[in-house]
PDB file of N, CA and C in Angstrom:
ATOM      1  N   UNK A   1      31.383 -41.374  20.937  1.00  0.00           N
ATOM      2  CA  UNK A   1      30.356 -40.370  20.645  1.00  0.00           C
ATOM      3  C   UNK A   1      30.080 -40.434  19.123  1.00  0.00           C
ATOM      4  N   UNK A   2      28.863 -40.328  18.744  1.00  0.00           N
ATOM      5  CA  UNK A   2      28.533 -40.317  17.314  1.00  0.00           C
ATOM      6  C   UNK A   2      28.834 -38.919  16.749  1.00  0.00           C
ATOM      7  N   UNK A   3      28.987 -38.817  15.463  1.00  0.00           N
ATOM      8  CA  UNK A   3      29.235 -37.567  14.809  1.00  0.00           C
ATOM      9  C   UNK A   3      27.998 -36.679  15.027  1.00  0.00           C
ATOM     10  N   UNK A   4      26.795 -37.242  14.896  1.00  0.00           N
ATOM     11  CA  UNK A   4      25.570 -36.420  15.047  1.00  0.00           C
ATOM     12  C   UNK A   4      25.498 -35.867  16.482  1.00  0.00           C
ATOM     13  N   UNK A   5      25.802 -36.665  17.461  1.00  0.00           N
ATOM     14  CA  UNK A   5      25.813 -36.165  18.860  1.00  0.00           C
ATOM     15  C   UNK A   5      26.834 -35.064  19.076  1.00  0.00           C
ATOM     16  N   UNK A   6      27.974 -35.218  18.457  1.00  0.00           N
ATOM     17  CA  UNK A   6      29.036 -34.159  18.575  1.00  0.00           C
ATOM     18  C   UNK A   6      28.552 -32.876  17.970  1.00  0.00           C
ATOM     19  N   UNK A   7      27.970 -32.934  16.751  1.00  0.00           N
ATOM     20  CA  UNK A   7      27.559 -31.754  16.085  1.00  0.00           C
ATOM     21  C   UNK A   7      26.415 -31.077  16.896  1.00  0.00           C
ATOM     22  N   UNK A   8      25.464 -31.867  17.422  1.00  0.00           N
ATOM     23  CA  UNK A   8      24.362 -31.265  18.168  1.00  0.00           C
ATOM     24  C   UNK A   8      24.883 -30.645  19.465  1.00  0.00           C
ATOM     25  N   UNK A   9      25.838 -31.279  20.138  1.00  0.00           N
ATOM     26  CA  UNK A   9      26.332 -30.752  21.402  1.00  0.00           C
ATOM     27  C   UNK A   9      27.135 -29.463  21.209  1.00  0.00           C
ATOM     28  N   UNK A  10      27.731 -29.331  20.039  1.00  0.00           N
ATOM     29  CA  UNK A  10      28.506 -28.136  19.735  1.00  0.00           C
ATOM     30  C   UNK A  10      27.693 -27.092  18.933  1.00  0.00           C
ATOM     31  N   UNK A  11      26.423 -27.453  18.639  1.00  0.00           N
ATOM     32  CA  UNK A  11      25.560 -26.558  17.864  1.00  0.00           C
ATOM     33  C   UNK A  11      26.184 -26.192  16.503  1.00  0.00           C
ATOM     34  N   UNK A  12      26.705 -27.239  15.856  1.00  0.00           N
ATOM     35  CA  UNK A  12      27.321 -27.073  14.511  1.00  0.00           C
ATOM     36  C   UNK A  12      26.431 -27.780  13.517  1.00  0.00           C
ATOM     37  N   UNK A  13      26.122 -27.142  12.428  1.00  0.00           N
ATOM     38  CA  UNK A  13      25.342 -27.780  11.384  1.00  0.00           C
ATOM     39  C   UNK A  13      26.218 -28.758  10.600  1.00  0.00           C
ATOM     40  N   UNK A  14      25.509 -29.726  10.008  1.00  0.00           N
ATOM     41  CA  UNK A  14      26.222 -30.673   9.158  1.00  0.00           C
ATOM     42  C   UNK A  14      26.973 -29.949   8.047  1.00  0.00           C
ATOM     43  N   UNK A  15      26.280 -28.959   7.461  1.00  0.00           N
ATOM     44  CA  UNK A  15      26.882 -28.216   6.360  1.00  0.00           C
ATOM     45  C   UNK A  15      28.145 -27.486   6.790  1.00  0.00           C
ATOM     46  N   UNK A  16      28.100 -26.838   7.981  1.00  0.00           N
ATOM     47  CA  UNK A  16      29.233 -26.105   8.456  1.00  0.00           C
ATOM     48  C   UNK A  16      30.431 -27.039   8.713  1.00  0.00           C
ATOM     49  N   UNK A  17      30.144 -28.177   9.310  1.00  0.00           N
ATOM     50  CA  UNK A  17      31.167 -29.166   9.589  1.00  0.00           C
ATOM     51  C   UNK A  17      31.805 -29.654   8.286  1.00  0.00           C
ATOM     52  N   UNK A  18      30.943 -29.986   7.323  1.00  0.00           N
ATOM     53  CA  UNK A  18      31.359 -30.463   6.030  1.00  0.00           C
ATOM     54  C   UNK A  18      32.308 -29.433   5.368  1.00  0.00           C
ATOM     55  N   UNK A  19      31.935 -28.126   5.435  1.00  0.00           N
ATOM     56  CA  UNK A  19      32.755 -27.114   4.878  1.00  0.00           C
ATOM     57  C   UNK A  19      34.082 -27.007   5.605  1.00  0.00           C
ATOM     58  N   UNK A  20      34.024 -27.160   6.927  1.00  0.00           N
ATOM     59  CA  UNK A  20      35.248 -27.098   7.719  1.00  0.00           C
ATOM     60  C   UNK A  20      36.298 -28.118   7.344  1.00  0.00           C
ATOM     61  N   UNK A  21      35.790 -29.303   7.002  1.00  0.00           N
ATOM     62  CA  UNK A  21      36.747 -30.406   6.657  1.00  0.00           C
ATOM     63  C   UNK A  21      36.842 -30.601   5.138  1.00  0.00           C
ATOM     64  N   UNK A  22      36.246 -29.697   4.392  1.00  0.00           N
ATOM     65  CA  UNK A  22      36.305 -29.701   2.925  1.00  0.00           C
ATOM     66  C   UNK A  22      35.768 -31.041   2.345  1.00  0.00           C
ATOM     67  N   UNK A  23      34.547 -31.389   2.779  1.00  0.00           N
ATOM     68  CA  UNK A  23      33.887 -32.598   2.241  1.00  0.00           C
ATOM     69  C   UNK A  23      32.487 -32.156   1.810  1.00  0.00           C
ATOM     70  N   UNK A  24      31.871 -32.988   1.022  1.00  0.00           N
ATOM     71  CA  UNK A  24      30.511 -32.697   0.548  1.00  0.00           C
ATOM     72  C   UNK A  24      29.532 -32.829   1.710  1.00  0.00           C
ATOM     73  N   UNK A  25      28.593 -31.877   1.764  1.00  0.00           N
ATOM     74  CA  UNK A  25      27.578 -31.905   2.844  1.00  0.00           C
ATOM     75  C   UNK A  25      26.787 -33.191   2.868  1.00  0.00           C
ATOM     76  N   UNK A  26      26.411 -33.670   1.676  1.00  0.00           N
ATOM     77  CA  UNK A  26      25.665 -34.921   1.604  1.00  0.00           C
ATOM     78  C   UNK A  26      26.409 -36.091   2.158  1.00  0.00           C
ATOM     79  N   UNK A  27      27.707 -36.176   1.907  1.00  0.00           N
ATOM     80  CA  UNK A  27      28.542 -37.210   2.431  1.00  0.00           C
ATOM     81  C   UNK A  27      28.562 -37.205   3.957  1.00  0.00           C
ATOM     82  N   UNK A  28      28.771 -36.046   4.550  1.00  0.00           N
ATOM     83  CA  UNK A  28      28.848 -35.918   5.986  1.00  0.00           C
ATOM     84  C   UNK A  28      27.472 -36.192   6.593  1.00  0.00           C
ATOM     85  N   UNK A  29      26.403 -35.746   5.942  1.00  0.00           N
ATOM     86  CA  UNK A  29      25.041 -35.987   6.453  1.00  0.00           C
ATOM     87  C   UNK A  29      24.771 -37.532   6.517  1.00  0.00           C
ATOM     88  N   UNK A  30      25.130 -38.228   5.441  1.00  0.00           N
ATOM     89  CA  UNK A  30      24.929 -39.665   5.461  1.00  0.00           C
ATOM     90  C   UNK A  30      25.729 -40.390   6.524  1.00  0.00           C
ATOM     91  N   UNK A  31      26.935 -39.933   6.752  1.00  0.00           N
ATOM     92  CA  UNK A  31      27.808 -40.518   7.838  1.00  0.00           C
ATOM     93  C   UNK A  31      27.212 -40.141   9.177  1.00  0.00           C
ATOM     94  N   UNK A  32      26.798 -38.915   9.407  1.00  0.00           N
ATOM     95  CA  UNK A  32      26.237 -38.491  10.692  1.00  0.00           C
ATOM     96  C   UNK A  32      24.963 -39.250  11.048  1.00  0.00           C
ATOM     97  N   UNK A  33      24.171 -39.563  10.027  1.00  0.00           N
ATOM     98  CA  UNK A  33      22.871 -40.267  10.298  1.00  0.00           C
ATOM     99  C   UNK A  33      23.015 -41.782  10.116  1.00  0.00           C
ATOM    100  N   UNK A  34      24.220 -42.291   9.997  1.00  0.00           N
ATOM    101  CA  UNK A  34      24.448 -43.731   9.994  1.00  0.00           C
ATOM    102  C   UNK A  34      24.043 -44.432   8.714  1.00  0.00           C
ATOM    103  N   UNK A  35      23.974 -43.683   7.592  1.00  0.00           N
ATOM    104  CA  UNK A  35      23.567 -44.260   6.352  1.00  0.00           C
ATOM    105  C   UNK A  35      24.755 -44.654   5.473  1.00  0.00           C
ATOM    106  N   UNK A  36      25.916 -44.250   5.902  1.00  0.00           N
ATOM    107  CA  UNK A  36      27.173 -44.525   5.154  1.00  0.00           C
ATOM    108  C   UNK A  36      28.316 -44.623   6.124  1.00  0.00           C
ATOM    109  N   UNK A  37      29.259 -45.505   5.818  1.00  0.00           N
ATOM    110  CA  UNK A  37      30.455 -45.622   6.577  1.00  0.00           C
ATOM    111  C   UNK A  37      31.583 -44.874   5.818  1.00  0.00           C
ATOM    112  N   UNK A  38      32.320 -44.051   6.538  1.00  0.00           N
ATOM    113  CA  UNK A  38      33.382 -43.287   5.823  1.00  0.00           C
ATOM    114  C   UNK A  38      34.596 -44.221   5.503  1.00  0.00           C
ATOM    115  N   UNK A  39      35.383 -43.770   4.535  1.00  0.00           N
ATOM    116  CA  UNK A  39      36.625 -44.428   4.274  1.00  0.00           C
ATOM    117  C   UNK A  39      37.515 -44.216   5.505  1.00  0.00           C
ATOM    118  N   UNK A  40      38.598 -44.989   5.579  1.00  0.00           N
ATOM    119  CA  UNK A  40      39.551 -44.829   6.704  1.00  0.00           C
ATOM    120  C   UNK A  40      40.085 -43.419   6.755  1.00  0.00           C
ATOM    121  N   UNK A  41      40.450 -42.911   5.572  1.00  0.00           N
ATOM    122  CA  UNK A  41      41.020 -41.545   5.501  1.00  0.00           C
ATOM    123  C   UNK A  41      40.041 -40.484   6.008  1.00  0.00           C
ATOM    124  N   UNK A  42      38.752 -40.632   5.636  1.00  0.00           N
ATOM    125  CA  UNK A  42      37.753 -39.661   6.080  1.00  0.00           C
ATOM    126  C   UNK A  42      37.458 -39.835   7.553  1.00  0.00           C
ATOM    127  N   UNK A  43      37.478 -41.070   8.037  1.00  0.00           N
ATOM    128  CA  UNK A  43      37.268 -41.275   9.466  1.00  0.00           C
ATOM    129  C   UNK A  43      38.325 -40.620  10.296  1.00  0.00           C
ATOM    130  N   UNK A  44      39.600 -40.738   9.854  1.00  0.00           N
ATOM    131  CA  UNK A  44      40.692 -40.042  10.508  1.00  0.00           C
ATOM    132  C   UNK A  44      40.550 -38.578  10.494  1.00  0.00           C
ATOM    133  N   UNK A  45      40.080 -38.038   9.337  1.00  0.00           N
ATOM    134  CA  UNK A  45      39.858 -36.596   9.162  1.00  0.00           C
ATOM    135  C   UNK A  45      38.768 -36.096  10.122  1.00  0.00           C
ATOM    136  N   UNK A  46      37.679 -36.824  10.261  1.00  0.00           N
ATOM    137  CA  UNK A  46      36.582 -36.460  11.141  1.00  0.00           C
ATOM    138  C   UNK A  46      37.057 -36.519  12.568  1.00  0.00           C
ATOM    139  N   UNK A  47      37.766 -37.549  12.929  1.00  0.00           N
ATOM    140  CA  UNK A  47      38.282 -37.695  14.317  1.00  0.00           C
ATOM    141  C   UNK A  47      39.201 -36.501  14.652  1.00  0.00           C
ATOM    142  N   UNK A  48      40.064 -36.120  13.755  1.00  0.00           N
ATOM    143  CA  UNK A  48      40.986 -35.035  13.965  1.00  0.00           C
ATOM    144  C   UNK A  48      40.188 -33.714  14.098  1.00  0.00           C
ATOM    145  N   UNK A  49      39.181 -33.512  13.247  1.00  0.00           N
ATOM    146  CA  UNK A  49      38.419 -32.305  13.336  1.00  0.00           C
ATOM    147  C   UNK A  49      37.587 -32.174  14.564  1.00  0.00           C
ATOM    148  N   UNK A  50      37.221 -33.286  15.152  1.00  0.00           N
ATOM    149  CA  UNK A  50      36.435 -33.298  16.391  1.00  0.00           C
ATOM    150  C   UNK A  50      37.343 -33.394  17.621  1.00  0.00           C
ATOM    151  N   UNK A  51      38.656 -33.284  17.404  1.00  0.00           N
ATOM    152  CA  UNK A  51      39.624 -33.433  18.459  1.00  0.00           C
ATOM    153  C   UNK A  51      39.501 -34.713  19.257  1.00  0.00           C
ATOM    154  N   UNK A  52      39.136 -35.769  18.553  1.00  0.00           N
ATOM    155  CA  UNK A  52      39.021 -37.081  19.180  1.00  0.00           C
ATOM    156  C   UNK A  52      37.705 -37.382  19.883  1.00  0.00           C
ATOM    157  N   UNK A  53      36.817 -36.408  19.878  1.00  0.00           N
ATOM    158  CA  UNK A  53      35.482 -36.660  20.485  1.00  0.00           C
ATOM    159  C   UNK A  53      34.784 -37.790  19.760  1.00  0.00           C
ATOM    160  N   UNK A  54      34.948 -37.806  18.447  1.00  0.00           N
ATOM    161  CA  UNK A  54      34.384 -38.838  17.586  1.00  0.00           C
ATOM    162  C   UNK A  54      35.564 -39.699  17.123  1.00  0.00           C
ATOM    163  N   UNK A  55      35.745 -40.890  17.643  1.00  0.00           N
ATOM    164  CA  UNK A  55      36.832 -41.753  17.311  1.00  0.00           C
ATOM    165  C   UNK A  55      36.516 -42.473  15.984  1.00  0.00           C
ATOM    166  N   UNK A  56      37.552 -42.903  15.330  1.00  0.00           N
ATOM    167  CA  UNK A  56      37.346 -43.649  14.087  1.00  0.00           C
ATOM    168  C   UNK A  56      36.431 -44.821  14.278  1.00  0.00           C
ATOM    169  N   UNK A  57      36.566 -45.551  15.350  1.00  0.00           N
ATOM    170  CA  UNK A  57      35.734 -46.705  15.656  1.00  0.00           C
ATOM    171  C   UNK A  57      34.270 -46.325  15.819  1.00  0.00           C
ATOM    172  N   UNK A  58      34.027 -45.064  16.303  1.00  0.00           N
ATOM    173  CA  UNK A  58      32.615 -44.651  16.479  1.00  0.00           C
ATOM    174  C   UNK A  58      31.879 -44.474  15.162  1.00  0.00           C
ATOM    175  N   UNK A  59      32.606 -44.413  14.067  1.00  0.00           N
ATOM    176  CA  UNK A  59      32.038 -44.221  12.742  1.00  0.00           C
ATOM    177  C   UNK A  59      31.731 -45.501  11.984  1.00  0.00           C
ATOM    178  N   UNK A  60      32.171 -46.619  12.556  1.00  0.00           N
ATOM    179  CA  UNK A  60      31.917 -47.928  11.918  1.00  0.00           C
ATOM    180  C   UNK A  60      30.486 -48.339  12.058  1.00  0.00           C
ATOM    181  N   UNK A  61      29.922 -48.864  10.999  1.00  0.00           N
ATOM    182  CA  UNK A  61      28.544 -49.370  11.010  1.00  0.00           C
ATOM    183  C   UNK A  61      28.587 -50.880  11.311  1.00  0.00           C
ATOM    184  N   UNK A  62      27.555 -51.362  11.972  1.00  0.00           N
ATOM    185  CA  UNK A  62      27.508 -52.830  12.113  1.00  0.00           C
ATOM    186  C   UNK A  62      27.482 -53.522  10.773  1.00  0.00           C
ATOM    187  N   UNK A  63      28.047 -54.710  10.663  1.00  0.00           N
ATOM    188  CA  UNK A  63      28.163 -55.443   9.374  1.00  0.00           C
ATOM    189  C   UNK A  63      26.894 -55.506   8.618  1.00  0.00           C
ATOM    190  N   UNK A  64      25.788 -55.858   9.270  1.00  0.00           N
ATOM    191  CA  UNK A  64      24.535 -56.010   8.532  1.00  0.00           C
ATOM    192  C   UNK A  64      23.976 -54.646   8.028  1.00  0.00           C
ATOM    193  N   UNK A  65      24.206 -53.603   8.783  1.00  0.00           N
ATOM    194  CA  UNK A  65      23.728 -52.294   8.378  1.00  0.00           C
ATOM    195  C   UNK A  65      24.560 -51.767   7.218  1.00  0.00           C
ATOM    196  N   UNK A  66      25.819 -52.048   7.211  1.00  0.00           N
ATOM    197  CA  UNK A  66      26.714 -51.609   6.123  1.00  0.00           C
ATOM    198  C   UNK A  66      26.295 -52.210   4.760  1.00  0.00           C
ATOM    199  N   UNK A  67      25.882 -53.441   4.820  1.00  0.00           N
ATOM    200  CA  UNK A  67      25.507 -54.168   3.544  1.00  0.00           C
ATOM    201  C   UNK A  67      24.153 -53.721   2.992  1.00  0.00           C
ATOM    202  N   UNK A  68      23.365 -53.099   3.825  1.00  0.00           N
ATOM    203  CA  UNK A  68      21.990 -52.663   3.376  1.00  0.00           C
ATOM    204  C   UNK A  68      22.021 -51.531   2.433  1.00  0.00           C
TER     205      UNK A  68
END
């Protein structure tokens, strides 16, 4: 499941989720919309905060998209 799908299904705003995990809203927004790939530590943090609904692997961007 993508982070954006998780947030929408739970009716949680990006800002509220970012505050919950103590991260910048802009960082979480970019990750949710596939504009940025999180560090491994942040991916683990997101997965834990979503109780595994969003797995670390779900946050990986395709190689060509990551380089753009």
